[in-house]
Amino acid sequence: MAVKRGQPRKYPWGALFRRNEFTLIEGVDYTCSRASMLQMIRNQASGRELPIKITQRDDRITVRVME
């Protein structure tokens, strides 16, 4: 995703992946489709070479970094 100078990133991936676990709520933390968000999470984790486990329940996606 190309970001113009001065334009903030849509999702704070760096801050999220510094945690051991984080939860995203559909309609609150993201508005794209669940499938798109899951793929973005996988792409971001892969780019950081982080093993993750994703759990889905109701409107929540929980990501645990498995270091």
Protein backbone atom coordinates (compact mmCIF):
# COMPACT_ATOMS: atom_id res chain seq x y z
CA MET A 1 0.00 0.00 0.00
CA ALA A 2 1.55 3.28 -1.06
CA VAL A 3 1.29 5.99 1.55
CA LYS A 4 1.66 9.62 0.58
CA ARG A 5 4.01 11.76 2.63
CA GLY A 6 2.23 13.05 5.73
CA GLN A 7 -0.66 10.60 5.34
CA PRO A 8 -1.01 8.29 8.36
CA ARG A 9 -1.16 4.55 7.84
CA LYS A 10 -4.64 3.12 8.14
CA TYR A 11 -3.64 0.40 10.63
CA PRO A 12 -0.90 0.69 13.29
CA TRP A 13 0.73 -2.64 12.38
CA GLY A 14 4.02 -1.89 14.14
CA ALA A 15 2.32 -1.14 17.44
CA LEU A 16 -0.03 -4.10 17.13
CA PHE A 17 2.73 -6.64 16.42
CA ARG A 18 4.85 -5.38 19.33
CA ARG A 19 2.20 -6.93 21.59
CA ASN A 20 1.99 -10.66 22.32
CA GLU A 21 -1.73 -10.63 21.52
CA PHE A 22 -4.25 -8.20 20.08
CA THR A 23 -7.93 -8.24 19.13
CA LEU A 24 -9.59 -6.39 16.28
CA ILE A 25 -13.35 -5.81 16.25
CA GLU A 26 -15.23 -5.70 12.96
CA GLY A 27 -16.83 -2.30 12.36
CA VAL A 28 -14.73 -0.70 15.12
CA ASP A 29 -11.10 -1.47 14.26
CA TYR A 30 -11.62 -2.30 10.59
CA THR A 31 -14.34 -1.83 7.97
CA CYS A 32 -13.06 -4.03 5.14
CA SER A 33 -14.24 -7.60 4.75
CA ARG A 34 -13.09 -10.16 7.31
CA ALA A 35 -11.28 -12.11 4.57
CA SER A 36 -9.36 -8.98 3.56
CA MET A 37 -8.37 -8.19 7.15
CA LEU A 38 -7.23 -11.76 7.75
CA GLN A 39 -5.04 -11.60 4.65
CA MET A 40 -3.59 -8.22 5.70
CA ILE A 41 -2.75 -9.67 9.12
CA ARG A 42 -1.03 -12.68 7.53
CA ASN A 43 0.90 -10.45 5.12
CA GLN A 44 2.07 -8.13 7.90
CA ALA A 45 3.14 -11.03 10.12
CA SER A 46 4.95 -12.71 7.24
CA GLY A 47 6.79 -9.51 6.38
CA ARG A 48 7.99 -9.33 9.98
CA GLU A 49 8.80 -13.07 9.99
CA LEU A 50 6.48 -13.58 12.97
CA PRO A 51 4.65 -16.86 13.53
CA ILE A 52 1.06 -16.13 14.53
CA LYS A 53 -2.12 -17.89 15.54
CA ILE A 54 -5.43 -16.32 14.52
CA THR A 55 -8.67 -17.02 16.38
CA GLN A 56 -12.05 -15.80 15.14
CA ARG A 57 -15.13 -15.50 17.28
CA ASP A 58 -18.28 -13.53 16.52
CA ASP A 59 -17.12 -10.06 15.33
CA ARG A 60 -13.59 -10.40 16.75
CA ILE A 61 -10.25 -11.47 15.32
CA THR A 62 -7.60 -12.26 17.94
CA VAL A 63 -3.98 -12.56 16.88
CA ARG A 64 -1.34 -14.17 19.09
CA VAL A 65 2.35 -13.86 18.24
CA MET A 66 3.91 -17.30 18.80
CA GLU A 67 7.54 -16.41 19.55
